[in-house]
C-alpha atoms as a PDB file:
ATOM      1  CA  MET A   1      35.633  69.715 149.047  1.00  0.00           C
ATOM      2  CA  SER A   2      36.132  66.381 147.223  1.00  0.00           C
ATOM      3  CA  GLU A   3      33.155  64.809 149.035  1.00  0.00           C
ATOM      4  CA  TYR A   4      30.842  67.201 147.147  1.00  0.00           C
ATOM      5  CA  ILE A   5      32.088  66.034 143.744  1.00  0.00           C
ATOM      6  CA  ARG A   6      29.724  63.405 142.352  1.00  0.00           C
ATOM      7  CA  SER A   7      31.801  62.121 139.457  1.00  0.00           C
ATOM      8  CA  PRO A   8      34.259  59.444 140.745  1.00  0.00           C
ATOM      9  CA  LEU A   9      36.773  60.283 138.011  1.00  0.00           C
ATOM     10  CA  ILE A  10      36.740  64.020 138.684  1.00  0.00           C
ATOM     11  CA  ARG A  11      36.913  63.349 142.439  1.00  0.00           C
ATOM     12  CA  ILE A  12      40.049  61.215 141.973  1.00  0.00           C
ATOM     13  CA  MET A  13      41.660  63.890 139.801  1.00  0.00           C
ATOM     14  CA  TYR A  14      40.817  66.602 142.326  1.00  0.00           C
ATOM     15  CA  GLU A  15      42.214  64.599 145.243  1.00  0.00           C
ATOM     16  CA  LYS A  16      45.387  63.886 143.271  1.00  0.00           C
ATOM     17  CA  LEU A  17      45.799  67.595 142.558  1.00  0.00           C
ATOM     18  CA  GLU A  18      45.344  68.369 146.266  1.00  0.00           C
ATOM     19  CA  HIS A  19      47.939  65.728 147.170  1.00  0.00           C
ATOM     20  CA  GLN A  20      50.375  67.092 144.583  1.00  0.00           C
ATOM     21  CA  ASN A  21      49.977  70.716 145.707  1.00  0.00           C
ATOM     22  CA  LYS A  22      50.545  69.655 149.314  1.00  0.00           C
ATOM     23  CA  HIS A  23      53.864  67.984 148.509  1.00  0.00           C
ATOM     24  CA  LEU A  24      55.170  69.973 145.547  1.00  0.00           C
ATOM     25  CA  ASN A  25      57.117  72.597 147.501  1.00  0.00           C
ATOM     26  CA  SER A  26      57.484  70.800 150.830  1.00  0.00           C
ATOM     27  CA  ASP A  27      60.831  69.823 152.380  1.00  0.00           C
ATOM     28  CA  HIS A  28      59.028  66.958 154.182  1.00  0.00           C
ATOM     29  CA  ASN A  29      60.913  67.382 157.435  1.00  0.00           C
ATOM     30  CA  HIS A  30      58.348  65.183 159.180  1.00  0.00           C
ATOM     31  CA  TRP A  31      59.525  62.210 157.112  1.00  0.00           C
ATOM     32  CA  TYR A  32      62.895  62.292 158.874  1.00  0.00           C
ATOM     33  CA  GLU A  33      61.961  63.104 162.479  1.00  0.00           C
ATOM     34  CA  TYR A  34      61.331  60.837 165.445  1.00  0.00           C
ATOM     35  CA  HIS A  35      60.114  61.095 169.040  1.00  0.00           C
ATOM     36  CA  PRO A  36      63.126  60.402 171.281  1.00  0.00           C
ATOM     37  CA  GLU A  37      60.963  60.004 174.383  1.00  0.00           C
ATOM     38  CA  TYR A  38      59.857  56.596 173.061  1.00  0.00           C
ATOM     39  CA  MET A  39      63.431  55.337 172.610  1.00  0.00           C
ATOM     40  CA  GLU A  40      66.073  54.151 175.077  1.00  0.00           C
ATOM     41  CA  ASN A  41      69.129  56.388 175.463  1.00  0.00           C
ATOM     42  CA  GLU A  42      71.473  53.863 173.867  1.00  0.00           C
ATOM     43  CA  PHE A  43      69.395  53.890 170.677  1.00  0.00           C
ATOM     44  CA  ARG A  44      68.857  57.667 170.650  1.00  0.00           C
ATOM     45  CA  ASP A  45      72.602  58.226 170.523  1.00  0.00           C
ATOM     46  CA  LYS A  46      72.887  56.148 167.347  1.00  0.00           C
ATOM     47  CA  PHE A  47      70.296  58.098 165.368  1.00  0.00           C
ATOM     48  CA  ILE A  48      71.472  60.168 162.399  1.00  0.00           C
ATOM     49  CA  ARG A  49      69.137  62.806 161.013  1.00  0.00           C
ATOM     50  CA  CYS A  50      68.687  62.891 157.246  1.00  0.00           C
ATOM     51  CA  LYS A  51      66.801  65.349 155.079  1.00  0.00           C
ATOM     52  CA  GLN A  52      65.285  65.584 151.628  1.00  0.00           C
ATOM     53  CA  ASP A  53      68.288  66.010 149.341  1.00  0.00           C
ATOM     54  CA  GLU A  54      68.674  66.566 145.606  1.00  0.00           C
ATOM     55  CA  GLU A  55      68.292  62.915 144.594  1.00  0.00           C
ATOM     56  CA  THR A  56      65.144  62.543 146.690  1.00  0.00           C
ATOM     57  CA  SER A  57      63.670  65.731 145.208  1.00  0.00           C
ATOM     58  CA  THR A  58      64.492  64.550 141.684  1.00  0.00           C
ATOM     59  CA  PHE A  59      62.692  61.251 142.289  1.00  0.00           C
ATOM     60  CA  LEU A  60      59.606  63.114 143.528  1.00  0.00           C
ATOM     61  CA  GLU A  61      59.687  65.501 140.561  1.00  0.00           C
ATOM     62  CA  ASN A  62      59.755  62.521 138.192  1.00  0.00           C
ATOM     63  CA  CYS A  63      56.778  61.066 140.063  1.00  0.00           C
ATOM     64  CA  PHE A  64      54.817  64.291 139.530  1.00  0.00           C
ATOM     65  CA  VAL A  65      55.592  64.191 135.805  1.00  0.00           C
ATOM     66  CA  LYS A  66      54.746  60.505 135.352  1.00  0.00           C
ATOM     67  CA  SER A  67      51.474  60.824 137.249  1.00  0.00           C
ATOM     68  CA  ASP A  68      50.134  62.947 134.382  1.00  0.00           C
ATOM     69  CA  TRP A  69      50.689  60.175 131.825  1.00  0.00           C
ATOM     70  CA  LEU A  70      46.995  59.289 131.852  1.00  0.00           C
ATOM     71  CA  LEU A  71      47.039  56.990 128.816  1.00  0.00           C
ATOM     72  CA  THR A  72      49.966  55.034 130.280  1.00  0.00           C
ATOM     73  CA  HIS A  73      48.156  54.580 133.601  1.00  0.00           C
ATOM     74  CA  PHE A  74      45.006  53.490 131.773  1.00  0.00           C
ATOM     75  CA  CYS A  75      46.927  50.864 129.782  1.00  0.00           C
ATOM     76  CA  HIS A  76      48.725  49.681 132.928  1.00  0.00           C
ATOM     77  CA  ALA A  77      45.402  49.277 134.751  1.00  0.00           C
ATOM     78  CA  ILE A  78      44.022  47.081 131.963  1.00  0.00           C
ATOM     79  CA  ALA A  79      47.225  45.031 131.745  1.00  0.00           C
ATOM     80  CA  LYS A  80      47.341  44.531 135.516  1.00  0.00           C
ATOM     81  CA  ALA A  81      43.710  43.359 135.589  1.00  0.00           C
ATOM     82  CA  VAL A  82      44.608  40.627 133.092  1.00  0.00           C
ATOM     83  CA  LEU A  83      48.075  39.692 134.380  1.00  0.00           C
ATOM     84  CA  THR A  84      47.035  39.473 138.035  1.00  0.00           C
ATOM     85  CA  TRP A  85      45.421  36.092 137.319  1.00  0.00           C
ATOM     86  CA  PHE A  86      48.792  34.406 136.771  1.00  0.00           C
ATOM     87  CA  MET A  87      51.531  36.798 137.973  1.00  0.00           C
ATOM     88  CA  THR A  88      52.432  38.439 141.285  1.00  0.00           C
ATOM     89  CA  SER A  89      52.186  42.213 141.662  1.00  0.00           C
ATOM     90  CA  THR A  90      55.991  42.426 141.790  1.00  0.00           C
ATOM     91  CA  SER A  91      56.369  40.621 138.464  1.00  0.00           C
ATOM     92  CA  ILE A  92      53.620  42.733 136.890  1.00  0.00           C
ATOM     93  CA  ASN A  93      55.373  45.936 137.957  1.00  0.00           C
ATOM     94  CA  GLY A  94      58.647  44.611 136.560  1.00  0.00           C
ATOM     95  CA  LEU A  95      57.043  43.672 133.259  1.00  0.00           C
ATOM     96  CA  LEU A  96      55.304  47.035 132.884  1.00  0.00           C
ATOM     97  CA  GLY A  97      58.253  49.058 134.210  1.00  0.00           C
ATOM     98  CA  ARG A  98      56.106  50.751 136.836  1.00  0.00           C
ATOM     99  CA  GLY A  99      56.223  51.332 140.586  1.00  0.00           C
ATOM    100  CA  SER A 100      59.936  52.024 141.002  1.00  0.00           C
ATOM    101  CA  MET A 101      61.080  52.500 144.600  1.00  0.00           C
ATOM    102  CA  PHE A 102      63.369  54.974 146.352  1.00  0.00           C
ATOM    103  CA  VAL A 103      64.846  54.270 149.792  1.00  0.00           C
ATOM    104  CA  PHE A 104      67.920  56.475 150.079  1.00  0.00           C
ATOM    105  CA  SER A 105      70.158  58.690 147.968  1.00  0.00           C
ATOM    106  CA  SER A 106      73.812  57.903 147.305  1.00  0.00           C
ATOM    107  CA  ALA A 107      74.838  60.547 149.846  1.00  0.00           C
ATOM    108  CA  GLN A 108      72.497  59.132 152.496  1.00  0.00           C
ATOM    109  CA  PHE A 109      73.848  55.632 151.860  1.00  0.00           C
ATOM    110  CA  LEU A 110      77.447  56.816 152.304  1.00  0.00           C
ATOM    111  CA  ARG A 111      76.501  58.617 155.488  1.00  0.00           C
ATOM    112  CA  LEU A 112      74.938  55.456 156.875  1.00  0.00           C
ATOM    113  CA  LEU A 113      78.172  53.582 156.191  1.00  0.00           C
ATOM    114  CA  ASN A 114      80.260  56.519 157.465  1.00  0.00           C
ATOM    115  CA  VAL A 115      82.526  56.591 154.385  1.00  0.00           C
ATOM    116  CA  ASN A 116      83.226  59.151 151.642  1.00  0.00           C
ATOM    117  CA  ASP A 117      82.435  58.831 147.946  1.00  0.00           C
ATOM    118  CA  ASN A 118      85.990  57.730 147.100  1.00  0.00           C
ATOM    119  CA  PHE A 119      85.744  54.603 149.245  1.00  0.00           C
ATOM    120  CA  LYS A 120      85.352  51.225 147.531  1.00  0.00           C
ATOM    121  CA  PHE A 121      84.231  47.985 149.143  1.00  0.00           C
ATOM    122  CA  ASP A 122      84.783  44.609 147.500  1.00  0.00           C
ATOM    123  CA  TYR A 123      81.443  42.809 147.730  1.00  0.00           C
ATOM    124  CA  LEU A 124      77.810  43.899 148.007  1.00  0.00           C
ATOM    125  CA  LEU A 125      74.872  41.504 148.232  1.00  0.00           C
ATOM    126  CA  ASP A 126      71.433  43.108 147.832  1.00  0.00           C
ATOM    127  CA  LEU A 127      68.682  40.718 148.914  1.00  0.00           C
ATOM    128  CA  GLY A 128      65.280  41.137 147.271  1.00  0.00           C
ATOM    129  CA  ALA A 129      66.666  43.761 144.920  1.00  0.00           C
ATOM    130  CA  GLY A 130      63.465  44.307 142.914  1.00  0.00           C
ATOM    131  CA  ASP A 131      64.046  46.213 139.684  1.00  0.00           C
ATOM    132  CA  GLY A 132      67.556  47.243 140.780  1.00  0.00           C
ATOM    133  CA  ASN A 133      66.938  50.985 141.060  1.00  0.00           C
ATOM    134  CA  VAL A 134      67.881  51.030 144.753  1.00  0.00           C
ATOM    135  CA  THR A 135      70.830  48.709 144.079  1.00  0.00           C
ATOM    136  CA  MET A 136      72.158  51.232 141.576  1.00  0.00           C
ATOM    137  CA  LYS A 137      72.443  53.812 144.369  1.00  0.00           C
ATOM    138  CA  MET A 138      74.867  51.484 146.161  1.00  0.00           C
ATOM    139  CA  ALA A 139      76.653  49.807 143.246  1.00  0.00           C
ATOM    140  CA  PRO A 140      79.221  52.564 142.433  1.00  0.00           C
ATOM    141  CA  PHE A 141      80.893  52.004 145.812  1.00  0.00           C
ATOM    142  CA  PHE A 142      81.573  48.287 145.289  1.00  0.00           C
ATOM    143  CA  ASN A 143      83.843  46.324 142.984  1.00  0.00           C
ATOM    144  CA  ASN A 144      81.375  43.430 142.751  1.00  0.00           C
ATOM    145  CA  VAL A 145      77.590  43.509 143.116  1.00  0.00           C
ATOM    146  CA  TYR A 146      75.426  40.447 143.719  1.00  0.00           C
ATOM    147  CA  VAL A 147      71.640  40.390 144.023  1.00  0.00           C
ATOM    148  CA  THR A 148      68.770  38.009 144.756  1.00  0.00           C
ATOM    149  CA  GLU A 149      65.126  38.217 143.757  1.00  0.00           C
ATOM    150  CA  ILE A 150      62.222  35.741 143.691  1.00  0.00           C
ATOM    151  CA  SER A 151      60.353  37.324 140.767  1.00  0.00           C
ATOM    152  CA  PRO A 152      61.567  35.929 137.400  1.00  0.00           C
ATOM    153  CA  VAL A 153      60.753  39.221 135.677  1.00  0.00           C
ATOM    154  CA  MET A 154      62.743  41.216 138.219  1.00  0.00           C
ATOM    155  CA  ARG A 155      65.672  38.771 137.901  1.00  0.00           C
ATOM    156  CA  TRP A 156      65.657  39.485 134.182  1.00  0.00           C
ATOM    157  CA  ARG A 157      65.692  43.233 134.835  1.00  0.00           C
ATOM    158  CA  LEU A 158      68.543  42.883 137.339  1.00  0.00           C
ATOM    159  CA  SER A 159      70.638  40.928 134.855  1.00  0.00           C
ATOM    160  CA  LYS A 160      70.032  43.700 132.297  1.00  0.00           C
ATOM    161  CA  HIS A 161      71.640  46.108 134.785  1.00  0.00           C
ATOM    162  CA  GLY A 162      74.734  43.902 134.800  1.00  0.00           C
ATOM    163  CA  PHE A 163      74.303  42.572 138.345  1.00  0.00           C
ATOM    164  CA  THR A 164      75.166  38.975 139.229  1.00  0.00           C
ATOM    165  CA  VAL A 165      71.860  37.317 140.157  1.00  0.00           C
ATOM    166  CA  LEU A 166      72.230  34.563 142.773  1.00  0.00           C
ATOM    167  CA  ASP A 167      69.721  31.866 143.666  1.00  0.00           C
ATOM    168  CA  VAL A 168      67.465  32.823 146.578  1.00  0.00           C
ATOM    169  CA  ASP A 169      67.924  29.431 148.240  1.00  0.00           C
ATOM    170  CA  SER A 170      71.698  29.047 147.934  1.00  0.00           C
ATOM    171  CA  TRP A 171      73.294  32.519 148.018  1.00  0.00           C
ATOM    172  CA  ASP A 172      74.823  31.740 151.413  1.00  0.00           C
ATOM    173  CA  SER A 173      76.081  28.257 150.507  1.00  0.00           C
ATOM    174  CA  PRO A 174      79.873  27.790 150.721  1.00  0.00           C
ATOM    175  CA  ASN A 175      81.818  27.244 147.490  1.00  0.00           C
ATOM    176  CA  LYS A 176      78.920  28.455 145.348  1.00  0.00           C
ATOM    177  CA  GLU A 177      79.506  29.364 141.706  1.00  0.00           C
ATOM    178  CA  TRP A 178      77.754  31.493 139.110  1.00  0.00           C
ATOM    179  CA  ASN A 179      78.478  30.838 135.429  1.00  0.00           C
ATOM    180  CA  SER A 180      81.551  28.833 136.506  1.00  0.00           C
ATOM    181  CA  GLN A 181      82.856  31.789 138.528  1.00  0.00           C
ATOM    182  CA  LYS A 182      83.482  31.510 142.263  1.00  0.00           C
ATOM    183  CA  VAL A 183      81.123  33.634 144.368  1.00  0.00           C
ATOM    184  CA  PRO A 184      82.490  35.017 147.661  1.00  0.00           C
ATOM    185  CA  SER A 185      81.465  33.218 150.827  1.00  0.00           C
ATOM    186  CA  HIS A 186      81.424  36.492 152.805  1.00  0.00           C
ATOM    187  CA  PHE A 187      80.304  39.998 151.865  1.00  0.00           C
ATOM    188  CA  ASP A 188      81.397  43.451 153.037  1.00  0.00           C
ATOM    189  CA  VAL A 189      77.823  44.735 152.976  1.00  0.00           C
ATOM    190  CA  ILE A 190      74.533  42.874 152.761  1.00  0.00           C
ATOM    191  CA  SER A 191      71.463  45.016 152.182  1.00  0.00           C
ATOM    192  CA  CYS A 192      68.055  43.702 153.192  1.00  0.00           C
ATOM    193  CA  LEU A 193      65.765  46.601 152.391  1.00  0.00           C
ATOM    194  CA  ASN A 194      62.090  46.142 153.209  1.00  0.00           C
ATOM    195  CA  LEU A 195      62.329  42.387 152.788  1.00  0.00           C
ATOM    196  CA  LEU A 196      62.200  41.156 156.390  1.00  0.00           C
ATOM    197  CA  ASP A 197      58.456  41.846 156.704  1.00  0.00           C
ATOM    198  CA  ARG A 198      57.803  40.383 153.241  1.00  0.00           C
ATOM    199  CA  CYS A 199      59.681  37.071 153.416  1.00  0.00           C
ATOM    200  CA  ILE A 200      58.404  33.709 154.598  1.00  0.00           C
ATOM    201  CA  ALA A 201      61.102  33.101 157.241  1.00  0.00           C
ATOM    202  CA  PRO A 202      62.559  36.397 158.549  1.00  0.00           C
ATOM    203  CA  ILE A 203      64.313  34.933 161.613  1.00  0.00           C
ATOM    204  CA  THR A 204      66.036  32.320 159.462  1.00  0.00           C
ATOM    205  CA  LEU A 205      66.996  35.044 156.997  1.00  0.00           C
ATOM    206  CA  LEU A 206      68.724  37.059 159.735  1.00  0.00           C
ATOM    207  CA  LYS A 207      70.740  33.972 160.695  1.00  0.00           C
ATOM    208  CA  ARG A 208      71.742  33.349 157.067  1.00  0.00           C
ATOM    209  CA  ILE A 209      72.845  36.957 156.682  1.00  0.00           C
ATOM    210  CA  SER A 210      74.920  36.777 159.859  1.00  0.00           C
ATOM    211  CA  ARG A 211      76.856  33.783 158.524  1.00  0.00           C
ATOM    212  CA  ALA A 212      77.484  35.503 155.180  1.00  0.00           C
ATOM    213  CA  LEU A 213      78.908  38.769 156.564  1.00  0.00           C
ATOM    214  CA  LYS A 214      82.658  39.280 156.638  1.00  0.00           C
ATOM    215  CA  PRO A 215      83.904  38.679 160.187  1.00  0.00           C
ATOM    216  CA  ILE A 216      84.403  41.865 162.231  1.00  0.00           C
ATOM    217  CA  THR A 217      84.031  44.350 159.335  1.00  0.00           C
ATOM    218  CA  GLY A 218      80.884  43.112 157.567  1.00  0.00           C
ATOM    219  CA  VAL A 219      77.675  45.128 158.005  1.00  0.00           C
ATOM    220  CA  LEU A 220      73.991  44.600 157.330  1.00  0.00           C
ATOM    221  CA  ILE A 221      71.865  47.465 156.015  1.00  0.00           C
ATOM    222  CA  LEU A 222      68.383  46.567 157.223  1.00  0.00           C
ATOM    223  CA  GLY A 223      65.316  48.511 156.112  1.00  0.00           C
ATOM    224  CA  ILE A 224      61.894  47.819 157.592  1.00  0.00           C
ATOM    225  CA  VAL A 225      58.545  49.591 157.363  1.00  0.00           C
ATOM    226  CA  LEU A 226      57.008  50.390 160.754  1.00  0.00           C
ATOM    227  CA  PRO A 227      54.396  49.957 162.171  1.00  0.00           C
ATOM    228  CA  LEU A 228      54.967  46.337 161.207  1.00  0.00           C
ATOM    229  CA  LYS A 229      52.616  44.427 158.946  1.00  0.00           C
ATOM    230  CA  GLN A 230      54.005  41.119 157.731  1.00  0.00           C
ATOM    231  CA  TYR A 231      52.786  40.070 154.281  1.00  0.00           C
ATOM    232  CA  VAL A 232      54.139  37.354 151.987  1.00  0.00           C
ATOM    233  CA  GLU A 233      53.204  37.710 148.339  1.00  0.00           C
ATOM    234  CA  THR A 234      54.043  34.125 147.373  1.00  0.00           C
ATOM    235  CA  THR A 235      52.066  32.154 149.989  1.00  0.00           C
ATOM    236  CA  THR A 236      48.418  31.186 149.673  1.00  0.00           C
ATOM    237  CA  ASP A 237      47.316  32.820 152.915  1.00  0.00           C
ATOM    238  CA  LYS A 238      49.845  35.705 152.554  1.00  0.00           C
ATOM    239  CA  ARG A 239      51.273  34.866 155.992  1.00  0.00           C
ATOM    240  CA  PRO A 240      54.892  34.047 156.924  1.00  0.00           C
ATOM    241  CA  ASN A 241      56.043  30.839 158.583  1.00  0.00           C
ATOM    242  CA  GLU A 242      57.956  32.884 161.164  1.00  0.00           C
ATOM    243  CA  LEU A 243      56.403  35.827 162.991  1.00  0.00           C
ATOM    244  CA  LEU A 244      58.421  38.818 164.155  1.00  0.00           C
ATOM    245  CA  ALA A 245      57.399  38.935 167.814  1.00  0.00           C
ATOM    246  CA  ILE A 246      57.559  42.653 168.522  1.00  0.00           C
ATOM    247  CA  THR A 247      55.336  44.920 170.596  1.00  0.00           C
ATOM    248  CA  ASP A 248      51.960  45.680 169.051  1.00  0.00           C
ATOM    249  CA  SER A 249      51.872  49.481 168.961  1.00  0.00           C
ATOM    250  CA  ASP A 250      50.848  52.253 166.589  1.00  0.00           C
ATOM    251  CA  GLN A 251      53.894  54.210 167.776  1.00  0.00           C
ATOM    252  CA  TRP A 252      56.658  53.090 165.436  1.00  0.00           C
ATOM    253  CA  GLU A 253      59.427  54.097 167.855  1.00  0.00           C
ATOM    254  CA  VAL A 254      58.027  51.622 170.385  1.00  0.00           C
ATOM    255  CA  GLN A 255      58.053  48.913 167.736  1.00  0.00           C
ATOM    256  CA  LEU A 256      61.615  49.787 166.722  1.00  0.00           C
ATOM    257  CA  SER A 257      62.854  49.430 170.304  1.00  0.00           C
ATOM    258  CA  SER A 258      61.057  46.096 170.513  1.00  0.00           C
ATOM    259  CA  LEU A 259      62.519  44.942 167.189  1.00  0.00           C
ATOM    260  CA  ILE A 260      66.039  45.701 168.378  1.00  0.00           C
ATOM    261  CA  LYS A 261      65.632  44.119 171.823  1.00  0.00           C
ATOM    262  CA  ASN A 262      63.460  41.117 170.910  1.00  0.00           C
ATOM    263  CA  ILE A 263      64.702  40.213 167.421  1.00  0.00           C
ATOM    264  CA  LEU A 264      68.027  41.789 166.468  1.00  0.00           C
ATOM    265  CA  ILE A 265      69.976  41.512 169.730  1.00  0.00           C
ATOM    266  CA  PRO A 266      68.961  37.844 170.285  1.00  0.00           C
ATOM    267  CA  ALA A 267      70.088  37.215 166.680  1.00  0.00           C
ATOM    268  CA  ASN A 268      73.523  38.578 167.727  1.00  0.00           C
ATOM    269  CA  TYR A 269      73.292  41.920 165.923  1.00  0.00           C
ATOM    270  CA  GLU A 270      74.565  45.220 167.264  1.00  0.00           C
ATOM    271  CA  VAL A 271      73.147  48.561 166.104  1.00  0.00           C
ATOM    272  CA  ILE A 272      75.865  50.884 164.786  1.00  0.00           C
ATOM    273  CA  ARG A 273      73.564  53.672 163.613  1.00  0.00           C
ATOM    274  CA  TRP A 274      70.051  54.141 162.279  1.00  0.00           C
ATOM    275  CA  THR A 275      67.865  56.691 160.567  1.00  0.00           C
ATOM    276  CA  ARG A 276      64.303  57.332 159.477  1.00  0.00           C
ATOM    277  CA  LEU A 277      63.568  57.739 155.763  1.00  0.00           C
ATOM    278  CA  PRO A 278      60.532  57.757 153.479  1.00  0.00           C
ATOM    279  CA  TYR A 279      60.091  54.588 151.431  1.00  0.00           C
ATOM    280  CA  LEU A 280      58.869  56.162 148.208  1.00  0.00           C
ATOM    281  CA  CYS A 281      57.106  54.516 145.295  1.00  0.00           C
ATOM    282  CA  GLU A 282      56.068  55.934 141.938  1.00  0.00           C
ATOM    283  CA  GLY A 283      52.364  56.645 141.862  1.00  0.00           C
ATOM    284  CA  ASP A 284      49.497  56.050 139.481  1.00  0.00           C
ATOM    285  CA  PHE A 285      46.365  57.757 138.234  1.00  0.00           C
ATOM    286  CA  SER A 286      45.117  58.588 141.737  1.00  0.00           C
ATOM    287  CA  ARG A 287      48.407  59.571 143.469  1.00  0.00           C
ATOM    288  CA  SER A 288      51.669  61.061 142.231  1.00  0.00           C
ATOM    289  CA  PHE A 289      53.618  58.927 144.691  1.00  0.00           C
ATOM    290  CA  TYR A 290      53.163  56.749 147.746  1.00  0.00           C
ATOM    291  CA  SER A 291      55.212  56.941 150.936  1.00  0.00           C
ATOM    292  CA  LEU A 292      55.755  54.582 153.867  1.00  0.00           C
ATOM    293  CA  ASN A 293      57.629  55.110 157.119  1.00  0.00           C
ATOM    294  CA  ASP A 294      60.953  53.304 156.693  1.00  0.00           C
ATOM    295  CA  ILE A 295      63.581  52.659 159.364  1.00  0.00           C
ATOM    296  CA  VAL A 296      67.064  51.855 158.068  1.00  0.00           C
ATOM    297  CA  LEU A 297      69.589  50.346 160.478  1.00  0.00           C
ATOM    298  CA  VAL A 298      73.291  49.601 160.094  1.00  0.00           C
ATOM    299  CA  LEU A 299      74.084  46.408 161.998  1.00  0.00           C
ATOM    300  CA  ARG A 300      77.083  44.193 162.627  1.00  0.00           C
ATOM    301  CA  ASN A 301      77.604  40.842 164.278  1.00  0.00           C
ATOM    302  CA  SER A 302      77.960  41.278 168.018  1.00  0.00           C
ATOM    303  CA  ILE A 303      79.708  37.905 168.276  1.00  0.00           C
ATOM    304  CA  THR A 304      82.756  37.295 166.089  1.00  0.00           C
ATOM    305  CA  GLU A 305      84.417  33.952 165.694  1.00  0.00           C
END
């Protein structure tokens, strides 16, 4: 139908309405399913099935509401066209307060860690925390929350949330301090959500995380969008210095198996459990929201000192 509409503006509005009607009353079961025939038995057994819960539905409902703020989207489009000459997209989104992300609900996070809502860890480190909205899903279950972020604007937003912002180059250094306060050398949980495919040195990052986890009990929450497409916002050619050498396949389950066997296991990580979730982002004038296929794994060091 939309191909018969000549006006570009009306066509965009029609396609957005179609997209919204398609998703408005859906439970989106397909977001959470996988094809076990493409996975080894040992990885199948560690899969936990999630579903669209209340927090996820609330995020989507807010996306539907915000997508109708036409004047706001128009102003954002003009501002982005100007700011893109001297700021990254991440910093622009932080400055304009747009494009918030949703990875998991509080309940889904607790299920991944296999704890109840009364449990409290000591230390969380959220790497590449963005605007902090995902961090806030995890923060209530920790006594101390630390974050890192390259974007200066996002660092400012994170500090406004009350999180301790660490330097991206020295967060794993021993005896580090922040505002004259000692920062822990090991963390109970380190979250690295959709950062591995966006950073300049992902293999090095995995090694740094391994050293910063608490021995025996420390876990890494790793989120990665599959099929894999590495992209670095801060480099001239947008390419990383280290490539994630996994199987080239359009079937994300094949890539996940390859990621575990070729990257994570050689880096001395063991998969405790994993799930499939939608990586949701607030939309704009043409879409109420955007969704990517996100795999979230709970990992621990397979070698303890």
